[in-house]
Amino acid sequence: MSLVRQLQDYRLTTAEILYHLPDHPNLLQSYIWQDLDIAPRYPVLHKFLDFWKREIEGSLHSVRVASAQLIQPAKVGHADTLLTLH
């Protein structure tokens, strides 16, 4: 199923979620979330964040997102140096 989703332009998405601790609101805790999602709308991440707001006591401070395509065309590079071994 993962390959099918990748072919539908899903890409590996990682989010760093900073949230306030419920018992100590002045302290921030970090949570790393990772799943396949579609950039730039991120519907899977938004669904998770909606769940977080409804079900988890720690209020969100910030969310930082990064994503990378998993299936890409092959990259070909040229060598700058030629070495000869005996």
N, C-alpha and C. Protein backbone atom coordinates (compact mmCIF):
# COMPACT_ATOMS: atom_id res chain seq x y z
N MET A 1 0.81 -1.19 0.00
CA MET A 1 0.00 0.00 0.00
C MET A 1 0.86 1.26 0.00
N SER A 2 2.01 1.21 0.63
CA SER A 2 2.90 2.36 0.70
C SER A 2 3.37 2.79 -0.69
N LEU A 3 3.72 1.82 -1.55
CA LEU A 3 4.17 2.16 -2.90
C LEU A 3 3.06 2.82 -3.70
N VAL A 4 1.85 2.33 -3.56
CA VAL A 4 0.70 2.93 -4.27
C VAL A 4 0.53 4.38 -3.83
N ARG A 5 0.63 4.64 -2.53
CA ARG A 5 0.50 6.01 -2.03
C ARG A 5 1.62 6.89 -2.55
N GLN A 6 2.83 6.36 -2.63
CA GLN A 6 3.96 7.15 -3.14
C GLN A 6 3.74 7.51 -4.60
N LEU A 7 3.17 6.61 -5.37
CA LEU A 7 2.89 6.89 -6.77
C LEU A 7 1.77 7.91 -6.93
N GLN A 8 0.96 8.09 -5.89
CA GLN A 8 -0.09 9.11 -5.90
C GLN A 8 0.42 10.43 -5.33
N ASP A 9 1.73 10.62 -5.30
CA ASP A 9 2.42 11.83 -4.86
C ASP A 9 2.41 12.05 -3.35
N TYR A 10 2.16 10.98 -2.58
CA TYR A 10 2.39 11.08 -1.15
C TYR A 10 3.89 11.10 -0.94
N ARG A 11 4.34 11.81 0.06
CA ARG A 11 5.77 11.86 0.35
C ARG A 11 5.99 11.75 1.84
N LEU A 12 7.17 11.31 2.22
CA LEU A 12 7.50 11.17 3.63
C LEU A 12 7.50 12.55 4.27
N THR A 13 6.68 12.72 5.29
CA THR A 13 6.53 14.01 5.96
C THR A 13 6.87 13.84 7.43
N THR A 14 7.71 14.74 7.92
CA THR A 14 8.09 14.75 9.32
C THR A 14 7.70 16.09 9.91
N ALA A 15 7.08 16.05 11.09
CA ALA A 15 6.67 17.28 11.77
C ALA A 15 7.24 17.27 13.18
N GLU A 16 7.87 18.37 13.56
CA GLU A 16 8.30 18.56 14.95
C GLU A 16 7.21 19.41 15.60
N ILE A 17 6.55 18.84 16.59
CA ILE A 17 5.45 19.51 17.27
C ILE A 17 5.93 19.94 18.65
N LEU A 18 5.90 21.24 18.91
CA LEU A 18 6.21 21.75 20.24
C LEU A 18 4.89 22.04 20.94
N TYR A 19 4.77 21.57 22.18
CA TYR A 19 3.53 21.78 22.92
C TYR A 19 3.83 22.10 24.38
N HIS A 20 2.89 22.75 25.02
CA HIS A 20 3.02 23.12 26.43
C HIS A 20 2.65 21.91 27.29
N LEU A 21 3.45 21.65 28.32
CA LEU A 21 3.12 20.58 29.25
C LEU A 21 1.88 20.99 30.06
N PRO A 22 0.91 20.09 30.22
CA PRO A 22 -0.31 20.45 30.93
C PRO A 22 -0.08 20.92 32.38
N ASP A 23 0.82 20.24 33.10
CA ASP A 23 1.07 20.58 34.50
C ASP A 23 2.04 21.75 34.67
N HIS A 24 2.82 22.03 33.63
CA HIS A 24 3.82 23.12 33.68
C HIS A 24 3.73 23.89 32.36
N PRO A 25 2.75 24.79 32.22
CA PRO A 25 2.50 25.45 30.93
C PRO A 25 3.65 26.33 30.43
N ASN A 26 4.61 26.66 31.28
CA ASN A 26 5.74 27.46 30.82
C ASN A 26 6.83 26.61 30.17
N LEU A 27 6.72 25.29 30.26
CA LEU A 27 7.70 24.39 29.66
C LEU A 27 7.16 23.83 28.35
N LEU A 28 8.07 23.68 27.39
CA LEU A 28 7.70 23.09 26.09
C LEU A 28 8.28 21.70 25.98
N GLN A 29 7.52 20.82 25.36
CA GLN A 29 7.95 19.45 25.07
C GLN A 29 7.92 19.28 23.56
N SER A 30 8.80 18.43 23.05
CA SER A 30 8.87 18.18 21.61
C SER A 30 8.34 16.79 21.30
N TYR A 31 7.58 16.67 20.20
CA TYR A 31 7.07 15.40 19.72
C TYR A 31 7.35 15.32 18.22
N ILE A 32 7.90 14.22 17.76
CA ILE A 32 8.19 14.03 16.33
C ILE A 32 7.13 13.10 15.75
N TRP A 33 6.47 13.57 14.69
CA TRP A 33 5.44 12.80 13.98
C TRP A 33 5.94 12.55 12.57
N GLN A 34 5.70 11.33 12.05
CA GLN A 34 6.15 11.01 10.70
C GLN A 34 5.14 10.08 10.03
N ASP A 35 4.79 10.40 8.77
CA ASP A 35 3.85 9.58 8.01
C ASP A 35 3.94 10.00 6.55
N LEU A 36 3.28 9.25 5.67
CA LEU A 36 3.18 9.66 4.27
C LEU A 36 2.04 10.67 4.15
N ASP A 37 2.27 11.78 3.46
CA ASP A 37 1.28 12.83 3.33
C ASP A 37 1.48 13.55 2.00
N ILE A 38 0.51 14.38 1.62
CA ILE A 38 0.58 15.10 0.36
C ILE A 38 0.91 16.57 0.63
N ALA A 39 2.05 17.02 0.11
CA ALA A 39 2.44 18.43 0.25
C ALA A 39 1.75 19.23 -0.84
N PRO A 40 1.42 20.47 -0.66
CA PRO A 40 1.64 21.32 0.52
C PRO A 40 0.42 21.39 1.44
N ARG A 41 -0.63 20.62 1.18
CA ARG A 41 -1.85 20.73 2.00
C ARG A 41 -1.78 19.90 3.27
N TYR A 42 -1.05 18.79 3.26
CA TYR A 42 -0.83 17.91 4.41
C TYR A 42 -2.13 17.48 5.10
N PRO A 43 -3.03 16.81 4.41
CA PRO A 43 -4.29 16.40 5.04
C PRO A 43 -4.12 15.40 6.18
N VAL A 44 -3.15 14.50 6.09
CA VAL A 44 -2.94 13.51 7.14
C VAL A 44 -2.42 14.21 8.41
N LEU A 45 -1.49 15.14 8.24
CA LEU A 45 -0.98 15.90 9.39
C LEU A 45 -2.09 16.73 10.02
N HIS A 46 -2.91 17.38 9.21
CA HIS A 46 -4.01 18.18 9.75
C HIS A 46 -5.00 17.31 10.54
N LYS A 47 -5.25 16.11 10.04
CA LYS A 47 -6.13 15.19 10.76
C LYS A 47 -5.54 14.84 12.12
N PHE A 48 -4.22 14.59 12.15
CA PHE A 48 -3.56 14.28 13.42
C PHE A 48 -3.61 15.48 14.37
N LEU A 49 -3.35 16.68 13.84
CA LEU A 49 -3.37 17.88 14.70
C LEU A 49 -4.78 18.17 15.22
N ASP A 50 -5.81 17.90 14.43
CA ASP A 50 -7.19 18.04 14.91
C ASP A 50 -7.46 17.06 16.05
N PHE A 51 -6.97 15.82 15.90
CA PHE A 51 -7.09 14.83 16.97
C PHE A 51 -6.37 15.33 18.23
N TRP A 52 -5.18 15.88 18.05
CA TRP A 52 -4.39 16.39 19.17
C TRP A 52 -5.18 17.46 19.93
N LYS A 53 -5.73 18.40 19.21
CA LYS A 53 -6.47 19.50 19.85
C LYS A 53 -7.69 18.99 20.62
N ARG A 54 -8.35 17.94 20.10
CA ARG A 54 -9.54 17.39 20.74
C ARG A 54 -9.21 16.52 21.94
N GLU A 55 -8.16 15.69 21.83
CA GLU A 55 -7.96 14.60 22.79
C GLU A 55 -6.78 14.76 23.74
N ILE A 56 -5.82 15.60 23.43
CA ILE A 56 -4.61 15.69 24.24
C ILE A 56 -4.59 17.02 24.99
N GLU A 57 -4.20 16.96 26.27
CA GLU A 57 -4.26 18.13 27.13
C GLU A 57 -3.22 19.20 26.81
N GLY A 58 -2.07 18.81 26.31
CA GLY A 58 -1.00 19.78 26.03
C GLY A 58 -1.36 20.65 24.84
N SER A 59 -1.45 21.97 25.05
CA SER A 59 -1.80 22.86 23.94
C SER A 59 -0.61 23.05 23.00
N LEU A 60 -0.90 23.17 21.73
CA LEU A 60 0.15 23.29 20.71
C LEU A 60 0.82 24.66 20.79
N HIS A 61 2.12 24.66 20.63
CA HIS A 61 2.88 25.90 20.54
C HIS A 61 3.26 26.19 19.09
N SER A 62 3.86 25.20 18.42
CA SER A 62 4.27 25.38 17.03
C SER A 62 4.47 24.02 16.37
N VAL A 63 4.42 24.03 15.04
CA VAL A 63 4.63 22.82 14.25
C VAL A 63 5.57 23.18 13.11
N ARG A 64 6.66 22.43 12.99
CA ARG A 64 7.62 22.63 11.90
C ARG A 64 7.59 21.39 11.02
N VAL A 65 7.43 21.58 9.71
CA VAL A 65 7.19 20.47 8.78
C VAL A 65 8.30 20.39 7.74
N ALA A 66 8.70 19.16 7.43
CA ALA A 66 9.63 18.89 6.33
C ALA A 66 9.11 17.68 5.57
N SER A 67 9.29 17.67 4.25
CA SER A 67 8.86 16.50 3.47
C SER A 67 9.83 16.25 2.34
N ALA A 68 9.87 14.99 1.91
CA ALA A 68 10.77 14.60 0.83
C ALA A 68 10.09 13.56 -0.03
N GLN A 69 10.20 13.71 -1.35
CA GLN A 69 9.67 12.71 -2.27
C GLN A 69 10.49 11.45 -2.16
N LEU A 70 9.83 10.31 -2.10
CA LEU A 70 10.54 9.04 -1.98
C LEU A 70 10.86 8.44 -3.33
N ILE A 71 10.00 8.66 -4.31
CA ILE A 71 10.24 8.15 -5.65
C ILE A 71 10.62 9.34 -6.53
N GLN A 72 11.83 9.29 -7.06
CA GLN A 72 12.34 10.39 -7.88
C GLN A 72 13.07 9.81 -9.08
N PRO A 73 13.26 10.62 -10.11
CA PRO A 73 14.06 10.14 -11.22
C PRO A 73 15.51 9.95 -10.77
N ALA A 74 16.20 9.03 -11.44
CA ALA A 74 17.60 8.78 -11.10
C ALA A 74 18.46 10.01 -11.38
N LYS A 75 19.45 10.21 -10.54
CA LYS A 75 20.35 11.35 -10.71
C LYS A 75 21.69 10.83 -11.23
N VAL A 76 22.20 11.46 -12.27
CA VAL A 76 23.47 11.07 -12.86
C VAL A 76 24.46 12.20 -12.67
N GLY A 77 25.62 11.87 -12.14
CA GLY A 77 26.64 12.89 -11.93
C GLY A 77 27.88 12.57 -12.75
N HIS A 78 28.71 13.57 -12.98
CA HIS A 78 29.95 13.41 -13.72
C HIS A 78 31.13 13.53 -12.76
N ALA A 79 32.13 12.67 -12.98
CA ALA A 79 33.31 12.71 -12.12
C ALA A 79 34.20 13.86 -12.54
N ASP A 80 34.79 14.52 -11.53
CA ASP A 80 35.72 15.62 -11.79
C ASP A 80 37.16 15.13 -11.90
N THR A 81 37.43 13.94 -11.39
CA THR A 81 38.79 13.44 -11.33
C THR A 81 38.85 12.02 -11.88
N LEU A 82 39.93 11.68 -12.58
CA LEU A 82 40.15 10.34 -13.06
C LEU A 82 41.42 9.82 -12.43
N LEU A 83 41.34 8.71 -11.71
CA LEU A 83 42.51 8.13 -11.05
C LEU A 83 42.84 6.80 -11.73
N THR A 84 44.13 6.52 -11.91
CA THR A 84 44.56 5.26 -12.50
C THR A 84 45.32 4.47 -11.44
N LEU A 85 44.90 3.22 -11.23
CA LEU A 85 45.58 2.34 -10.28
C LEU A 85 46.35 1.27 -11.04
N HIS A 86 47.52 0.89 -10.57
CA HIS A 86 48.33 -0.15 -11.21
C HIS A 86 47.89 -1.50 -10.78
